[in-house]
Amino acid sequence: MRENFAFVLSQNMAFPDCMKPTELAAEKKGIKRKNWRNRIRFLLKTNSSKSVLHLITTRPYRPTADDVQQWAQSLDKLLSHKYGKAAFCIFLKSEFCEENIEFWSACEDFRILTSKKEMASKANIIYEEFIKNEAPKEINLDFHTKNDIAKSLQEPTTACFLTAQRKVYSLMENNSYPRFISSDLYKELSAAARGERKHIKS
């Protein structure tokens, strides 16, 4: 097993769902991103990430080989599986774009709310955290979508974030998801599910 998996960025490769223009400029100035394994090891320093990876890669809690194979069929199948979603979250953290899955998940929770009071409160929290300019976890959305959401906050409905959620889902589906399926993380999870001795080490 390769111990030093180098994560190399081509100068012509853009990751619109993960990197802002300022970050791309920094890349061109020669600032190298940490390799994949170092990022995963860094994430393992937190108890939550370590416990998630432990559950995914050890018996009897890890997913079956069939489960992991299904993750490669579509992003929808990946996100509908508890450990598939957890693994994808870890991968997105390693690419510094976990705000996308966090926003998507927040929208899923928001859509099942029935109380108008709860909807108003949750809508404002989502807006403050992900939508407004300079939000702590600002996602990549165009001005018109942001503006429509801001207007809808006066009387939020379960559909007020739907357009933004679809755009973020599309970004993940077309960018992060294919990279996840090609990543060493997915390959190691797949090997672990098949019972092979190939595990992520902290």
N, C-alpha and C. Protein backbone atom coordinates (compact mmCIF):
# COMPACT_ATOMS: atom_id res chain seq x y z
N MET A 1 0.85 -1.19 0.00
CA MET A 1 0.00 0.00 0.00
C MET A 1 0.88 1.24 0.00
N ARG A 2 0.54 2.17 -0.84
CA ARG A 2 1.35 3.37 -0.92
C ARG A 2 1.23 4.18 0.35
N GLU A 3 2.38 4.48 0.99
CA GLU A 3 2.36 5.21 2.25
C GLU A 3 2.28 6.72 2.03
N ASN A 4 2.81 7.17 0.91
CA ASN A 4 2.79 8.62 0.66
C ASN A 4 1.99 8.92 -0.60
N PHE A 5 0.73 9.14 -0.38
CA PHE A 5 -0.15 9.46 -1.51
C PHE A 5 -0.13 10.97 -1.71
N ALA A 6 0.50 11.43 -2.79
CA ALA A 6 0.64 12.87 -3.02
C ALA A 6 -0.63 13.43 -3.65
N PHE A 7 -1.16 14.46 -3.04
CA PHE A 7 -2.35 15.11 -3.56
C PHE A 7 -1.88 16.29 -4.41
N VAL A 8 -1.90 16.13 -5.76
CA VAL A 8 -1.34 17.13 -6.65
C VAL A 8 -2.44 17.87 -7.37
N LEU A 9 -2.37 19.18 -7.35
CA LEU A 9 -3.34 20.00 -8.06
C LEU A 9 -2.75 20.47 -9.38
N SER A 10 -3.47 20.24 -10.46
CA SER A 10 -3.07 20.79 -11.74
C SER A 10 -3.45 22.26 -11.76
N GLN A 11 -2.62 23.08 -12.39
CA GLN A 11 -2.92 24.52 -12.43
C GLN A 11 -4.18 24.80 -13.24
N ASN A 12 -4.55 23.88 -14.11
CA ASN A 12 -5.73 24.09 -14.94
C ASN A 12 -6.99 23.50 -14.33
N MET A 13 -6.90 22.92 -13.14
CA MET A 13 -8.05 22.26 -12.53
C MET A 13 -8.70 23.19 -11.53
N ALA A 14 -10.02 23.40 -11.66
CA ALA A 14 -10.74 24.28 -10.74
C ALA A 14 -11.74 23.47 -9.94
N PHE A 15 -11.87 23.79 -8.66
CA PHE A 15 -12.83 23.13 -7.80
C PHE A 15 -13.80 24.18 -7.28
N PRO A 16 -14.83 24.56 -8.07
CA PRO A 16 -15.70 25.67 -7.69
C PRO A 16 -16.49 25.43 -6.42
N ASP A 17 -16.70 24.18 -6.06
CA ASP A 17 -17.49 23.92 -4.86
C ASP A 17 -16.66 23.96 -3.60
N CYS A 18 -15.34 24.03 -3.73
CA CYS A 18 -14.48 23.94 -2.55
C CYS A 18 -13.56 25.14 -2.37
N MET A 19 -13.16 25.75 -3.45
CA MET A 19 -12.14 26.79 -3.34
C MET A 19 -12.64 28.13 -3.88
N LYS A 20 -12.41 29.16 -3.10
CA LYS A 20 -12.79 30.51 -3.53
C LYS A 20 -11.65 31.09 -4.37
N PRO A 21 -11.93 32.13 -5.19
CA PRO A 21 -10.89 32.71 -6.04
C PRO A 21 -9.62 33.09 -5.30
N THR A 22 -9.74 33.63 -4.08
CA THR A 22 -8.55 34.02 -3.31
C THR A 22 -7.69 32.81 -2.99
N GLU A 23 -8.37 31.67 -2.74
CA GLU A 23 -7.63 30.44 -2.41
C GLU A 23 -6.93 29.90 -3.66
N LEU A 24 -7.59 30.04 -4.81
CA LEU A 24 -6.96 29.60 -6.05
C LEU A 24 -5.73 30.45 -6.35
N ALA A 25 -5.82 31.76 -6.06
CA ALA A 25 -4.68 32.65 -6.27
C ALA A 25 -3.52 32.23 -5.38
N ALA A 26 -3.85 31.87 -4.16
CA ALA A 26 -2.81 31.42 -3.23
C ALA A 26 -2.13 30.17 -3.75
N GLU A 27 -2.92 29.28 -4.36
CA GLU A 27 -2.36 28.05 -4.92
C GLU A 27 -1.34 28.38 -6.01
N LYS A 28 -1.67 29.37 -6.85
CA LYS A 28 -0.79 29.75 -7.94
C LYS A 28 0.49 30.39 -7.45
N LYS A 29 0.46 30.91 -6.23
CA LYS A 29 1.66 31.52 -5.65
C LYS A 29 2.59 30.47 -5.05
N GLY A 30 2.18 29.24 -5.16
CA GLY A 30 3.07 28.17 -4.72
C GLY A 30 2.79 27.59 -3.35
N ILE A 31 1.65 27.98 -2.74
CA ILE A 31 1.31 27.41 -1.44
C ILE A 31 0.74 26.02 -1.68
N LYS A 32 1.40 25.02 -1.17
CA LYS A 32 0.97 23.64 -1.42
C LYS A 32 -0.04 23.18 -0.39
N ARG A 33 -1.03 22.46 -0.87
CA ARG A 33 -1.99 21.87 0.06
C ARG A 33 -1.40 20.60 0.65
N LYS A 34 -1.80 20.29 1.90
CA LYS A 34 -1.30 19.09 2.57
C LYS A 34 -1.76 17.86 1.81
N ASN A 35 -0.95 16.82 1.86
CA ASN A 35 -1.38 15.62 1.16
C ASN A 35 -2.55 14.98 1.87
N TRP A 36 -3.23 14.09 1.14
CA TRP A 36 -4.48 13.49 1.60
C TRP A 36 -4.33 12.81 2.94
N ARG A 37 -3.29 12.02 3.09
CA ARG A 37 -3.13 11.26 4.33
C ARG A 37 -2.91 12.18 5.53
N ASN A 38 -2.15 13.25 5.34
CA ASN A 38 -1.93 14.18 6.45
C ASN A 38 -3.25 14.84 6.87
N ARG A 39 -4.10 15.13 5.90
CA ARG A 39 -5.39 15.74 6.22
C ARG A 39 -6.26 14.79 7.02
N ILE A 40 -6.31 13.53 6.60
CA ILE A 40 -7.12 12.55 7.32
C ILE A 40 -6.57 12.37 8.74
N ARG A 41 -5.24 12.32 8.87
CA ARG A 41 -4.64 12.17 10.21
C ARG A 41 -4.98 13.37 11.09
N PHE A 42 -4.98 14.55 10.48
CA PHE A 42 -5.34 15.76 11.22
C PHE A 42 -6.78 15.66 11.72
N LEU A 43 -7.68 15.20 10.84
CA LEU A 43 -9.07 15.06 11.22
C LEU A 43 -9.26 14.03 12.31
N LEU A 44 -8.41 13.02 12.31
CA LEU A 44 -8.52 11.97 13.31
C LEU A 44 -8.16 12.46 14.71
N LYS A 45 -7.55 13.64 14.81
CA LYS A 45 -7.23 14.18 16.12
C LYS A 45 -8.49 14.57 16.88
N THR A 46 -9.59 14.80 16.14
CA THR A 46 -10.84 15.14 16.80
C THR A 46 -11.58 13.84 17.12
N ASN A 47 -12.19 13.79 18.29
CA ASN A 47 -12.87 12.57 18.72
C ASN A 47 -13.98 12.16 17.77
N SER A 48 -14.74 13.16 17.24
CA SER A 48 -15.88 12.83 16.39
C SER A 48 -15.43 12.13 15.11
N SER A 49 -14.40 12.68 14.45
CA SER A 49 -13.92 12.08 13.22
C SER A 49 -13.31 10.70 13.48
N LYS A 50 -12.59 10.58 14.59
CA LYS A 50 -11.95 9.30 14.90
C LYS A 50 -13.00 8.23 15.16
N SER A 51 -14.05 8.60 15.89
CA SER A 51 -15.08 7.62 16.20
C SER A 51 -15.85 7.21 14.95
N VAL A 52 -16.09 8.18 14.04
CA VAL A 52 -16.79 7.86 12.81
C VAL A 52 -15.97 6.89 11.97
N LEU A 53 -14.68 7.18 11.81
CA LEU A 53 -13.83 6.28 11.02
C LEU A 53 -13.71 4.92 11.69
N HIS A 54 -13.67 4.91 13.01
CA HIS A 54 -13.58 3.64 13.72
C HIS A 54 -14.82 2.79 13.44
N LEU A 55 -15.99 3.41 13.49
CA LEU A 55 -17.23 2.69 13.23
C LEU A 55 -17.30 2.19 11.79
N ILE A 56 -16.77 3.00 10.86
CA ILE A 56 -16.84 2.63 9.46
C ILE A 56 -15.90 1.47 9.14
N THR A 57 -14.74 1.45 9.77
CA THR A 57 -13.71 0.49 9.35
C THR A 57 -13.54 -0.73 10.24
N THR A 58 -14.31 -0.85 11.33
CA THR A 58 -14.15 -2.02 12.20
C THR A 58 -15.44 -2.81 12.31
N ARG A 59 -15.28 -4.11 12.48
CA ARG A 59 -16.45 -4.97 12.66
C ARG A 59 -17.04 -4.74 14.05
N PRO A 60 -18.34 -4.95 14.29
CA PRO A 60 -19.34 -5.33 13.30
C PRO A 60 -20.08 -4.12 12.71
N TYR A 61 -19.57 -2.91 12.95
CA TYR A 61 -20.30 -1.71 12.58
C TYR A 61 -20.04 -1.22 11.17
N ARG A 62 -18.96 -1.68 10.57
CA ARG A 62 -18.65 -1.14 9.26
C ARG A 62 -19.67 -1.59 8.22
N PRO A 63 -19.83 -0.83 7.15
CA PRO A 63 -20.79 -1.20 6.09
C PRO A 63 -20.32 -2.44 5.35
N THR A 64 -21.26 -3.11 4.71
CA THR A 64 -20.92 -4.29 3.94
C THR A 64 -20.28 -3.90 2.61
N ALA A 65 -19.69 -4.86 1.94
CA ALA A 65 -19.08 -4.61 0.62
C ALA A 65 -20.15 -4.12 -0.35
N ASP A 66 -21.37 -4.68 -0.23
CA ASP A 66 -22.46 -4.26 -1.10
C ASP A 66 -22.85 -2.80 -0.83
N ASP A 67 -22.86 -2.41 0.45
CA ASP A 67 -23.16 -1.02 0.81
C ASP A 67 -22.18 -0.07 0.12
N VAL A 68 -20.89 -0.36 0.29
CA VAL A 68 -19.85 0.52 -0.25
C VAL A 68 -19.90 0.56 -1.78
N GLN A 69 -20.24 -0.56 -2.40
CA GLN A 69 -20.39 -0.58 -3.86
C GLN A 69 -21.52 0.32 -4.30
N GLN A 70 -22.61 0.30 -3.54
CA GLN A 70 -23.76 1.13 -3.89
C GLN A 70 -23.44 2.62 -3.78
N TRP A 71 -22.53 2.98 -2.89
CA TRP A 71 -22.15 4.40 -2.77
C TRP A 71 -21.61 4.93 -4.09
N ALA A 72 -20.99 4.06 -4.87
CA ALA A 72 -20.38 4.48 -6.14
C ALA A 72 -21.41 4.61 -7.26
N GLN A 73 -22.66 4.20 -7.00
CA GLN A 73 -23.69 4.27 -8.04
C GLN A 73 -24.26 5.67 -8.21
N SER A 74 -24.40 6.39 -7.11
CA SER A 74 -24.92 7.76 -7.19
C SER A 74 -24.69 8.49 -5.87
N LEU A 75 -24.67 9.80 -5.94
CA LEU A 75 -24.53 10.60 -4.72
C LEU A 75 -25.74 10.39 -3.81
N ASP A 76 -26.91 10.21 -4.40
CA ASP A 76 -28.11 10.00 -3.61
C ASP A 76 -27.99 8.73 -2.76
N LYS A 77 -27.46 7.66 -3.33
CA LYS A 77 -27.30 6.42 -2.57
C LYS A 77 -26.24 6.58 -1.48
N LEU A 78 -25.21 7.37 -1.78
CA LEU A 78 -24.18 7.62 -0.77
C LEU A 78 -24.75 8.37 0.42
N LEU A 79 -25.51 9.44 0.15
CA LEU A 79 -26.04 10.28 1.22
C LEU A 79 -27.18 9.61 2.00
N SER A 80 -27.82 8.63 1.39
CA SER A 80 -28.92 7.94 2.08
C SER A 80 -28.42 6.87 3.04
N HIS A 81 -27.11 6.58 3.00
CA HIS A 81 -26.52 5.58 3.89
C HIS A 81 -25.78 6.29 5.01
N LYS A 82 -26.07 5.92 6.25
CA LYS A 82 -25.50 6.59 7.42
C LYS A 82 -23.98 6.71 7.35
N TYR A 83 -23.29 5.59 7.11
CA TYR A 83 -21.84 5.62 7.11
C TYR A 83 -21.27 6.17 5.80
N GLY A 84 -22.04 6.04 4.73
CA GLY A 84 -21.62 6.63 3.47
C GLY A 84 -21.56 8.15 3.59
N LYS A 85 -22.60 8.71 4.20
CA LYS A 85 -22.64 10.16 4.41
C LYS A 85 -21.52 10.60 5.34
N ALA A 86 -21.26 9.80 6.39
CA ALA A 86 -20.18 10.14 7.34
C ALA A 86 -18.82 10.13 6.65
N ALA A 87 -18.59 9.13 5.80
CA ALA A 87 -17.32 9.04 5.06
C ALA A 87 -17.17 10.22 4.11
N PHE A 88 -18.27 10.60 3.44
CA PHE A 88 -18.24 11.73 2.50
C PHE A 88 -17.95 13.03 3.25
N CYS A 89 -18.53 13.17 4.45
CA CYS A 89 -18.26 14.36 5.28
C CYS A 89 -16.77 14.46 5.61
N ILE A 90 -16.17 13.33 5.98
CA ILE A 90 -14.74 13.31 6.29
C ILE A 90 -13.92 13.70 5.07
N PHE A 91 -14.32 13.19 3.90
CA PHE A 91 -13.61 13.53 2.67
C PHE A 91 -13.73 15.03 2.38
N LEU A 92 -14.93 15.58 2.52
CA LEU A 92 -15.13 17.01 2.26
C LEU A 92 -14.33 17.87 3.23
N LYS A 93 -14.21 17.42 4.48
CA LYS A 93 -13.37 18.15 5.43
C LYS A 93 -11.92 18.14 4.97
N SER A 94 -11.49 17.03 4.40
CA SER A 94 -10.11 16.95 3.92
C SER A 94 -9.87 17.87 2.73
N GLU A 95 -10.94 18.26 2.04
CA GLU A 95 -10.85 19.19 0.91
C GLU A 95 -11.28 20.61 1.32
N PHE A 96 -11.54 20.80 2.59
CA PHE A 96 -11.92 22.11 3.13
C PHE A 96 -13.20 22.67 2.52
N CYS A 97 -14.17 21.80 2.25
CA CYS A 97 -15.45 22.29 1.72
C CYS A 97 -16.62 21.56 2.36
N GLU A 98 -16.51 21.28 3.65
CA GLU A 98 -17.58 20.57 4.34
C GLU A 98 -18.84 21.41 4.50
N GLU A 99 -18.74 22.73 4.22
CA GLU A 99 -19.93 23.57 4.34
C GLU A 99 -21.03 23.13 3.37
N ASN A 100 -20.65 22.52 2.25
CA ASN A 100 -21.65 22.08 1.27
C ASN A 100 -22.55 20.99 1.83
N ILE A 101 -21.97 19.96 2.41
CA ILE A 101 -22.77 18.87 2.97
C ILE A 101 -23.51 19.34 4.22
N GLU A 102 -22.91 20.24 4.97
CA GLU A 102 -23.57 20.76 6.17
C GLU A 102 -24.81 21.58 5.79
N PHE A 103 -24.68 22.39 4.74
CA PHE A 103 -25.83 23.17 4.27
C PHE A 103 -26.92 22.25 3.74
N TRP A 104 -26.53 21.28 2.91
CA TRP A 104 -27.49 20.34 2.34
C TRP A 104 -28.24 19.61 3.46
N SER A 105 -27.52 19.17 4.48
CA SER A 105 -28.14 18.46 5.60
C SER A 105 -29.08 19.37 6.40
N ALA A 106 -28.65 20.63 6.59
CA ALA A 106 -29.50 21.59 7.30
C ALA A 106 -30.81 21.82 6.55
N CYS A 107 -30.73 21.86 5.22
CA CYS A 107 -31.93 22.04 4.39
C CYS A 107 -32.85 20.83 4.49
N GLU A 108 -32.27 19.63 4.53
CA GLU A 108 -33.07 18.41 4.69
C GLU A 108 -33.83 18.45 6.02
N ASP A 109 -33.16 18.88 7.08
CA ASP A 109 -33.82 19.00 8.39
C ASP A 109 -34.91 20.08 8.36
N PHE A 110 -34.61 21.18 7.66
CA PHE A 110 -35.55 22.30 7.59
C PHE A 110 -36.84 21.91 6.88
N ARG A 111 -36.73 21.10 5.84
CA ARG A 111 -37.89 20.75 5.02
C ARG A 111 -38.93 19.91 5.76
N ILE A 112 -38.56 19.30 6.87
CA ILE A 112 -39.52 18.47 7.60
C ILE A 112 -40.18 19.22 8.76
N LEU A 113 -39.79 20.49 8.95
CA LEU A 113 -40.40 21.28 10.01
C LEU A 113 -41.85 21.63 9.66
N THR A 114 -42.70 21.69 10.66
CA THR A 114 -44.11 22.03 10.42
C THR A 114 -44.53 23.30 11.16
N SER A 115 -43.87 23.59 12.26
CA SER A 115 -44.20 24.78 13.04
C SER A 115 -43.64 26.04 12.37
N LYS A 116 -44.50 27.03 12.17
CA LYS A 116 -44.06 28.29 11.54
C LYS A 116 -42.99 28.98 12.38
N LYS A 117 -43.14 28.89 13.70
CA LYS A 117 -42.16 29.50 14.60
C LYS A 117 -40.79 28.84 14.45
N GLU A 118 -40.78 27.50 14.41
CA GLU A 118 -39.54 26.76 14.23
C GLU A 118 -38.92 27.04 12.86
N MET A 119 -39.77 27.12 11.84
CA MET A 119 -39.28 27.39 10.48
C MET A 119 -38.62 28.76 10.41
N ALA A 120 -39.24 29.76 11.02
CA ALA A 120 -38.69 31.11 10.99
C ALA A 120 -37.34 31.15 11.69
N SER A 121 -37.25 30.49 12.83
CA SER A 121 -36.00 30.46 13.59
C SER A 121 -34.89 29.73 12.82
N LYS A 122 -35.22 28.53 12.33
CA LYS A 122 -34.24 27.72 11.61
C LYS A 122 -33.81 28.38 10.31
N ALA A 123 -34.74 29.02 9.60
CA ALA A 123 -34.43 29.69 8.34
C ALA A 123 -33.41 30.80 8.57
N ASN A 124 -33.58 31.55 9.63
CA ASN A 124 -32.64 32.62 9.95
C ASN A 124 -31.27 32.08 10.33
N ILE A 125 -31.25 30.96 11.06
CA ILE A 125 -29.98 30.34 11.43
C ILE A 125 -29.22 29.88 10.19
N ILE A 126 -29.94 29.22 9.26
CA ILE A 126 -29.31 28.74 8.02
C ILE A 126 -28.79 29.92 7.20
N TYR A 127 -29.59 30.98 7.12
CA TYR A 127 -29.17 32.17 6.37
C TYR A 127 -27.91 32.78 6.96
N GLU A 128 -27.90 32.95 8.28
CA GLU A 128 -26.75 33.56 8.95
C GLU A 128 -25.48 32.70 8.84
N GLU A 129 -25.66 31.39 8.85
CA GLU A 129 -24.51 30.48 8.85
C GLU A 129 -23.95 30.19 7.46
N PHE A 130 -24.85 30.15 6.45
CA PHE A 130 -24.41 29.68 5.13
C PHE A 130 -24.63 30.64 3.97
N ILE A 131 -25.60 31.54 4.08
CA ILE A 131 -26.04 32.30 2.89
C ILE A 131 -25.50 33.73 2.81
N LYS A 132 -25.63 34.46 3.89
CA LYS A 132 -25.30 35.89 3.82
C LYS A 132 -23.82 36.10 3.49
N ASN A 133 -23.50 37.26 2.95
CA ASN A 133 -22.11 37.59 2.63
C ASN A 133 -21.25 37.53 3.88
N GLU A 134 -20.09 36.91 3.76
CA GLU A 134 -19.16 36.74 4.88
C GLU A 134 -19.70 35.83 5.98
N ALA A 135 -20.66 34.98 5.64
CA ALA A 135 -21.16 34.00 6.62
C ALA A 135 -20.02 33.07 7.00
N PRO A 136 -20.02 32.55 8.24
CA PRO A 136 -18.90 31.69 8.67
C PRO A 136 -18.69 30.45 7.80
N LYS A 137 -19.78 29.93 7.22
CA LYS A 137 -19.67 28.76 6.34
C LYS A 137 -20.32 29.07 4.99
N GLU A 138 -20.01 30.24 4.46
CA GLU A 138 -20.65 30.72 3.24
C GLU A 138 -20.48 29.73 2.08
N ILE A 139 -21.60 29.41 1.43
CA ILE A 139 -21.56 28.52 0.28
C ILE A 139 -21.55 29.35 -1.01
N ASN A 140 -21.18 28.71 -2.09
CA ASN A 140 -21.02 29.40 -3.36
C ASN A 140 -22.36 29.52 -4.09
N LEU A 141 -23.02 30.69 -3.95
CA LEU A 141 -24.31 30.93 -4.60
C LEU A 141 -24.28 32.26 -5.34
N ASP A 142 -25.08 32.35 -6.40
CA ASP A 142 -25.16 33.59 -7.16
C ASP A 142 -26.01 34.62 -6.39
N PHE A 143 -25.88 35.88 -6.80
CA PHE A 143 -26.56 36.99 -6.12
C PHE A 143 -28.07 36.81 -6.11
N HIS A 144 -28.66 36.40 -7.24
CA HIS A 144 -30.12 36.29 -7.34
C HIS A 144 -30.67 35.23 -6.38
N THR A 145 -29.98 34.11 -6.26
CA THR A 145 -30.44 33.06 -5.35
C THR A 145 -30.38 33.55 -3.91
N LYS A 146 -29.26 34.21 -3.56
CA LYS A 146 -29.13 34.76 -2.21
C LYS A 146 -30.22 35.79 -1.92
N ASN A 147 -30.48 36.64 -2.90
CA ASN A 147 -31.47 37.70 -2.74
C ASN A 147 -32.87 37.12 -2.55
N ASP A 148 -33.20 36.09 -3.32
CA ASP A 148 -34.52 35.44 -3.20
C ASP A 148 -34.68 34.82 -1.82
N ILE A 149 -33.62 34.23 -1.30
CA ILE A 149 -33.68 33.62 0.04
C ILE A 149 -33.89 34.69 1.10
N ALA A 150 -33.15 35.79 0.97
CA ALA A 150 -33.27 36.89 1.94
C ALA A 150 -34.71 37.42 1.99
N LYS A 151 -35.34 37.54 0.82
CA LYS A 151 -36.72 38.03 0.76
C LYS A 151 -37.69 37.03 1.40
N SER A 152 -37.40 35.74 1.21
CA SER A 152 -38.32 34.71 1.71
C SER A 152 -38.28 34.56 3.23
N LEU A 153 -37.29 35.15 3.89
CA LEU A 153 -37.16 35.01 5.33
C LEU A 153 -38.30 35.67 6.10
N GLN A 154 -38.99 36.61 5.46
CA GLN A 154 -40.12 37.27 6.12
C GLN A 154 -41.25 36.28 6.40
N GLU A 155 -41.48 35.39 5.43
CA GLU A 155 -42.48 34.33 5.62
C GLU A 155 -41.91 33.05 5.02
N PRO A 156 -40.99 32.40 5.72
CA PRO A 156 -40.33 31.22 5.15
C PRO A 156 -41.27 30.03 4.97
N THR A 157 -41.05 29.31 3.88
CA THR A 157 -41.77 28.07 3.62
C THR A 157 -40.74 26.95 3.51
N THR A 158 -41.21 25.72 3.44
CA THR A 158 -40.28 24.59 3.35
C THR A 158 -39.47 24.61 2.05
N ALA A 159 -39.90 25.43 1.09
CA ALA A 159 -39.21 25.48 -0.21
C ALA A 159 -38.24 26.66 -0.34
N CYS A 160 -38.08 27.46 0.70
CA CYS A 160 -37.30 28.69 0.53
C CYS A 160 -35.81 28.44 0.25
N PHE A 161 -35.28 27.29 0.64
CA PHE A 161 -33.88 26.99 0.37
C PHE A 161 -33.71 25.96 -0.76
N LEU A 162 -34.81 25.56 -1.37
CA LEU A 162 -34.78 24.46 -2.32
C LEU A 162 -33.86 24.71 -3.51
N THR A 163 -33.93 25.91 -4.10
CA THR A 163 -33.07 26.23 -5.25
C THR A 163 -31.60 26.17 -4.85
N ALA A 164 -31.27 26.77 -3.72
CA ALA A 164 -29.88 26.76 -3.24
C ALA A 164 -29.42 25.34 -2.94
N GLN A 165 -30.30 24.55 -2.32
CA GLN A 165 -29.95 23.18 -1.99
C GLN A 165 -29.66 22.37 -3.26
N ARG A 166 -30.47 22.57 -4.28
CA ARG A 166 -30.26 21.85 -5.55
C ARG A 166 -28.93 22.25 -6.19
N LYS A 167 -28.59 23.53 -6.10
CA LYS A 167 -27.32 24.00 -6.69
C LYS A 167 -26.13 23.39 -5.96
N VAL A 168 -26.21 23.35 -4.64
CA VAL A 168 -25.12 22.78 -3.84
C VAL A 168 -25.02 21.27 -4.09
N TYR A 169 -26.16 20.61 -4.21
CA TYR A 169 -26.17 19.18 -4.51
C TYR A 169 -25.49 18.93 -5.86
N SER A 170 -25.81 19.76 -6.84
CA SER A 170 -25.22 19.62 -8.17
C SER A 170 -23.70 19.82 -8.13
N LEU A 171 -23.25 20.80 -7.35
CA LEU A 171 -21.81 21.02 -7.20
C LEU A 171 -21.13 19.78 -6.60
N MET A 172 -21.73 19.24 -5.56
CA MET A 172 -21.15 18.04 -4.94
C MET A 172 -21.18 16.86 -5.90
N GLU A 173 -22.29 16.71 -6.60
CA GLU A 173 -22.45 15.57 -7.51
C GLU A 173 -21.44 15.61 -8.66
N ASN A 174 -21.16 16.80 -9.15
CA ASN A 174 -20.29 16.93 -10.32
C ASN A 174 -18.82 17.14 -9.98
N ASN A 175 -18.51 17.49 -8.74
CA ASN A 175 -17.13 17.79 -8.38
C ASN A 175 -16.60 16.90 -7.25
N SER A 176 -17.11 17.10 -6.06
CA SER A 176 -16.59 16.38 -4.90
C SER A 176 -16.87 14.88 -4.95
N TYR A 177 -18.08 14.51 -5.37
CA TYR A 177 -18.46 13.10 -5.36
C TYR A 177 -17.56 12.23 -6.25
N PRO A 178 -17.30 12.63 -7.51
CA PRO A 178 -16.39 11.80 -8.33
C PRO A 178 -15.00 11.68 -7.71
N ARG A 179 -14.52 12.76 -7.08
CA ARG A 179 -13.20 12.69 -6.44
C ARG A 179 -13.23 11.76 -5.24
N PHE A 180 -14.34 11.76 -4.50
CA PHE A 180 -14.47 10.85 -3.36
C PHE A 180 -14.42 9.40 -3.82
N ILE A 181 -15.13 9.07 -4.88
CA ILE A 181 -15.17 7.70 -5.39
C ILE A 181 -13.80 7.27 -5.91
N SER A 182 -12.99 8.23 -6.36
CA SER A 182 -11.65 7.91 -6.85
C SER A 182 -10.59 7.99 -5.75
N SER A 183 -10.98 8.40 -4.56
CA SER A 183 -10.00 8.68 -3.50
C SER A 183 -9.50 7.42 -2.81
N ASP A 184 -8.36 7.55 -2.14
CA ASP A 184 -7.83 6.46 -1.33
C ASP A 184 -8.76 6.15 -0.16
N LEU A 185 -9.46 7.17 0.36
CA LEU A 185 -10.39 6.95 1.46
C LEU A 185 -11.45 5.94 1.04
N TYR A 186 -12.07 6.16 -0.12
CA TYR A 186 -13.10 5.24 -0.60
C TYR A 186 -12.51 3.85 -0.86
N LYS A 187 -11.32 3.82 -1.46
CA LYS A 187 -10.69 2.53 -1.77
C LYS A 187 -10.40 1.74 -0.48
N GLU A 188 -9.96 2.44 0.56
CA GLU A 188 -9.65 1.76 1.82
C GLU A 188 -10.91 1.31 2.53
N LEU A 189 -11.97 2.11 2.46
CA LEU A 189 -13.24 1.70 3.05
C LEU A 189 -13.80 0.49 2.32
N SER A 190 -13.64 0.49 1.00
CA SER A 190 -14.10 -0.63 0.19
C SER A 190 -13.33 -1.91 0.54
N ALA A 191 -12.01 -1.77 0.70
CA ALA A 191 -11.18 -2.92 1.06
C ALA A 191 -11.54 -3.43 2.45
N ALA A 192 -11.79 -2.50 3.38
CA ALA A 192 -12.15 -2.90 4.75
C ALA A 192 -13.48 -3.64 4.75
N ALA A 193 -14.43 -3.18 3.91
CA ALA A 193 -15.74 -3.82 3.84
C ALA A 193 -15.63 -5.24 3.27
N ARG A 194 -14.63 -5.44 2.40
CA ARG A 194 -14.43 -6.78 1.82
C ARG A 194 -13.63 -7.68 2.77
N GLY A 195 -13.20 -7.11 3.91
CA GLY A 195 -12.47 -7.90 4.88
C GLY A 195 -10.99 -7.97 4.63
N GLU A 196 -10.49 -7.10 3.76
CA GLU A 196 -9.05 -7.09 3.48
C GLU A 196 -8.34 -6.27 4.53
N ARG A 197 -7.06 -6.53 4.72
CA ARG A 197 -6.29 -5.80 5.73
C ARG A 197 -5.78 -4.49 5.16
N LYS A 198 -6.68 -3.57 5.04
CA LYS A 198 -6.30 -2.26 4.51
C LYS A 198 -7.15 -1.24 5.24
N HIS A 199 -6.57 -0.63 6.25
CA HIS A 199 -7.34 0.29 7.08
C HIS A 199 -6.66 1.66 7.16
N ILE A 200 -7.45 2.65 7.41
CA ILE A 200 -6.93 3.99 7.62
C ILE A 200 -6.30 4.03 8.99
N LYS A 201 -5.09 4.50 9.07
CA LYS A 201 -4.40 4.54 10.36
C LYS A 201 -4.30 5.97 10.85
N SER A 202 -4.47 6.14 12.16
CA SER A 202 -4.37 7.49 12.74
C SER A 202 -2.92 7.79 13.06
